[in-house]
Amino acid sequence: MLRLSLAIVFVWFGALKVLNASPAVQLIRHSFPIFAGAPYLELLGLGEVIIGAGLIFDKLSKYAAVLMVFHLIGTMSVAIVSPALIFAPVFPVLTMEGELF
């Protein structure tokens, strides 16, 4: 059940990026500007959809888990690259973007 719910979240967030309707675009634009435009944003969304689909099917779940680890490392790197976007004014206090993060 947990794997299915995580798959739904990945598919949903990925579909929003593919459709260019994601609220995370501003966060991506401020931390990794090259990934905020076409075709990288759509490829990132497609990757998230693939991870979500892989989590649904048992035979692909191990591969999806490996891809998900790399994706989450990239996601967490935003806190290192631009901590001012995530934390305001210091570590435990989050900005609005940090709550999305």
C-alpha atoms as a PDB file:
ATOM      1  CA  MET A   1       0.000   0.000   0.000  1.00  0.00           C
ATOM      2  CA  LEU A   2       2.852   2.395   0.815  1.00  0.00           C
ATOM      3  CA  ARG A   3       4.565   1.621  -2.488  1.00  0.00           C
ATOM      4  CA  LEU A   4       1.330   2.320  -4.365  1.00  0.00           C
ATOM      5  CA  SER A   5       0.818   5.644  -2.607  1.00  0.00           C
ATOM      6  CA  LEU A   6       4.424   6.678  -3.359  1.00  0.00           C
ATOM      7  CA  ALA A   7       3.906   5.661  -6.988  1.00  0.00           C
ATOM      8  CA  ILE A   8       0.792   7.841  -7.214  1.00  0.00           C
ATOM      9  CA  VAL A   9       2.719  10.828  -5.852  1.00  0.00           C
ATOM     10  CA  PHE A  10       5.560  10.342  -8.345  1.00  0.00           C
ATOM     11  CA  VAL A  11       3.162   9.939 -11.273  1.00  0.00           C
ATOM     12  CA  TRP A  12       1.147  12.992 -10.181  1.00  0.00           C
ATOM     13  CA  PHE A  13       4.160  15.289  -9.707  1.00  0.00           C
ATOM     14  CA  GLY A  14       5.742  14.007 -12.910  1.00  0.00           C
ATOM     15  CA  ALA A  15       2.559  14.599 -14.898  1.00  0.00           C
ATOM     16  CA  LEU A  16       2.404  18.165 -13.590  1.00  0.00           C
ATOM     17  CA  LYS A  17       5.948  18.764 -14.850  1.00  0.00           C
ATOM     18  CA  VAL A  18       5.195  17.221 -18.240  1.00  0.00           C
ATOM     19  CA  LEU A  19       2.101  19.417 -18.564  1.00  0.00           C
ATOM     20  CA  ASN A  20       4.133  22.460 -17.413  1.00  0.00           C
ATOM     21  CA  ALA A  21       1.754  23.071 -14.494  1.00  0.00           C
ATOM     22  CA  SER A  22       4.066  22.236 -11.597  1.00  0.00           C
ATOM     23  CA  PRO A  23       4.388  24.644  -8.676  1.00  0.00           C
ATOM     24  CA  ALA A  24       7.972  23.413  -8.216  1.00  0.00           C
ATOM     25  CA  VAL A  25       9.188  25.165 -11.381  1.00  0.00           C
ATOM     26  CA  GLN A  26      10.152  28.327  -9.495  1.00  0.00           C
ATOM     27  CA  LEU A  27      12.164  26.305  -6.994  1.00  0.00           C
ATOM     28  CA  ILE A  28      13.928  24.483  -9.827  1.00  0.00           C
ATOM     29  CA  ARG A  29      14.494  27.757 -11.694  1.00  0.00           C
ATOM     30  CA  HIS A  30      16.209  29.348  -8.678  1.00  0.00           C
ATOM     31  CA  SER A  31      18.387  26.366  -7.817  1.00  0.00           C
ATOM     32  CA  PHE A  32      19.104  24.642 -11.155  1.00  0.00           C
ATOM     33  CA  PRO A  33      18.059  27.079 -13.931  1.00  0.00           C
ATOM     34  CA  ILE A  34      19.038  24.772 -16.791  1.00  0.00           C
ATOM     35  CA  PHE A  35      16.463  22.172 -15.662  1.00  0.00           C
ATOM     36  CA  ALA A  36      13.586  24.666 -15.462  1.00  0.00           C
ATOM     37  CA  GLY A  37      13.049  24.927 -19.212  1.00  0.00           C
ATOM     38  CA  ALA A  38      12.199  22.652 -22.092  1.00  0.00           C
ATOM     39  CA  PRO A  39      13.118  19.831 -22.700  1.00  0.00           C
ATOM     40  CA  TYR A  40      14.717  19.200 -19.289  1.00  0.00           C
ATOM     41  CA  LEU A  41      11.606  19.908 -17.231  1.00  0.00           C
ATOM     42  CA  GLU A  42       9.566  17.524 -19.352  1.00  0.00           C
ATOM     43  CA  LEU A  43      12.310  14.871 -19.123  1.00  0.00           C
ATOM     44  CA  LEU A  44      12.422  15.278 -15.356  1.00  0.00           C
ATOM     45  CA  GLY A  45       8.640  14.825 -15.254  1.00  0.00           C
ATOM     46  CA  LEU A  46       8.834  11.812 -17.530  1.00  0.00           C
ATOM     47  CA  GLY A  47      11.477  10.316 -15.242  1.00  0.00           C
ATOM     48  CA  GLU A  48       9.166  10.793 -12.273  1.00  0.00           C
ATOM     49  CA  VAL A  49       6.312   9.114 -14.144  1.00  0.00           C
ATOM     50  CA  ILE A  50       8.633   6.207 -15.017  1.00  0.00           C
ATOM     51  CA  ILE A  51       9.668   5.870 -11.365  1.00  0.00           C
ATOM     52  CA  GLY A  52       6.004   5.872 -10.335  1.00  0.00           C
ATOM     53  CA  ALA A  53       5.086   3.277 -12.944  1.00  0.00           C
ATOM     54  CA  GLY A  54       8.068   1.154 -11.904  1.00  0.00           C
ATOM     55  CA  LEU A  55       6.919   1.203  -8.298  1.00  0.00           C
ATOM     56  CA  ILE A  56       3.523  -0.154  -9.302  1.00  0.00           C
ATOM     57  CA  PHE A  57       4.868  -3.271 -11.054  1.00  0.00           C
ATOM     58  CA  ASP A  58       6.726  -5.833  -8.921  1.00  0.00           C
ATOM     59  CA  LYS A  59       9.253  -6.783 -11.616  1.00  0.00           C
ATOM     60  CA  LEU A  60      10.331  -3.144 -12.061  1.00  0.00           C
ATOM     61  CA  SER A  61      10.259  -2.064  -8.424  1.00  0.00           C
ATOM     62  CA  LYS A  62      13.979  -2.673  -7.786  1.00  0.00           C
ATOM     63  CA  TYR A  63      14.976  -0.581 -10.798  1.00  0.00           C
ATOM     64  CA  ALA A  64      12.507   2.114  -9.826  1.00  0.00           C
ATOM     65  CA  ALA A  65      13.933   2.170  -6.300  1.00  0.00           C
ATOM     66  CA  VAL A  66      17.448   2.774  -7.663  1.00  0.00           C
ATOM     67  CA  LEU A  67      16.176   5.577  -9.907  1.00  0.00           C
ATOM     68  CA  MET A  68      14.222   7.002  -6.993  1.00  0.00           C
ATOM     69  CA  VAL A  69      17.374   7.166  -4.837  1.00  0.00           C
ATOM     70  CA  PHE A  70      19.161   9.200  -7.520  1.00  0.00           C
ATOM     71  CA  HIS A  71      16.117  11.415  -7.954  1.00  0.00           C
ATOM     72  CA  LEU A  72      15.856  12.062  -4.221  1.00  0.00           C
ATOM     73  CA  ILE A  73      19.585  12.852  -4.000  1.00  0.00           C
ATOM     74  CA  GLY A  74      19.018  15.472  -6.705  1.00  0.00           C
ATOM     75  CA  THR A  75      15.995  16.782  -4.849  1.00  0.00           C
ATOM     76  CA  MET A  76      17.876  17.062  -1.552  1.00  0.00           C
ATOM     77  CA  SER A  77      20.787  18.819  -3.271  1.00  0.00           C
ATOM     78  CA  VAL A  78      18.593  21.922  -3.511  1.00  0.00           C
ATOM     79  CA  ALA A  79      19.128  22.433   0.229  1.00  0.00           C
ATOM     80  CA  ILE A  80      22.880  22.492  -0.371  1.00  0.00           C
ATOM     81  CA  VAL A  81      22.886  24.551  -3.582  1.00  0.00           C
ATOM     82  CA  SER A  82      20.440  27.232  -2.408  1.00  0.00           C
ATOM     83  CA  PRO A  83      19.692  26.951   1.293  1.00  0.00           C
ATOM     84  CA  ALA A  84      18.175  30.450   1.393  1.00  0.00           C
ATOM     85  CA  LEU A  85      15.277  29.160  -0.718  1.00  0.00           C
ATOM     86  CA  ILE A  86      14.521  26.393   1.752  1.00  0.00           C
ATOM     87  CA  PHE A  87      15.366  27.799   5.178  1.00  0.00           C
ATOM     88  CA  ALA A  88      14.520  31.257   6.476  1.00  0.00           C
ATOM     89  CA  PRO A  89      16.218  32.696   8.497  1.00  0.00           C
ATOM     90  CA  VAL A  90      17.954  29.598   9.898  1.00  0.00           C
ATOM     91  CA  PHE A  91      17.804  25.797   9.676  1.00  0.00           C
ATOM     92  CA  PRO A  92      14.610  24.647  11.387  1.00  0.00           C
ATOM     93  CA  VAL A  93      12.362  27.385   9.948  1.00  0.00           C
ATOM     94  CA  LEU A  94      11.118  26.638   6.423  1.00  0.00           C
ATOM     95  CA  THR A  95      10.036  29.037   3.688  1.00  0.00           C
ATOM     96  CA  MET A  96       6.921  28.353   1.611  1.00  0.00           C
ATOM     97  CA  GLU A  97       9.139  26.780  -1.053  1.00  0.00           C
ATOM     98  CA  GLY A  98      10.872  24.772   1.655  1.00  0.00           C
ATOM     99  CA  GLU A  99       7.552  23.268   2.681  1.00  0.00           C
ATOM    100  CA  LEU A 100       7.025  22.127  -0.909  1.00  0.00           C
ATOM    101  CA  PHE A 101      10.557  20.781  -0.934  1.00  0.00           C
END
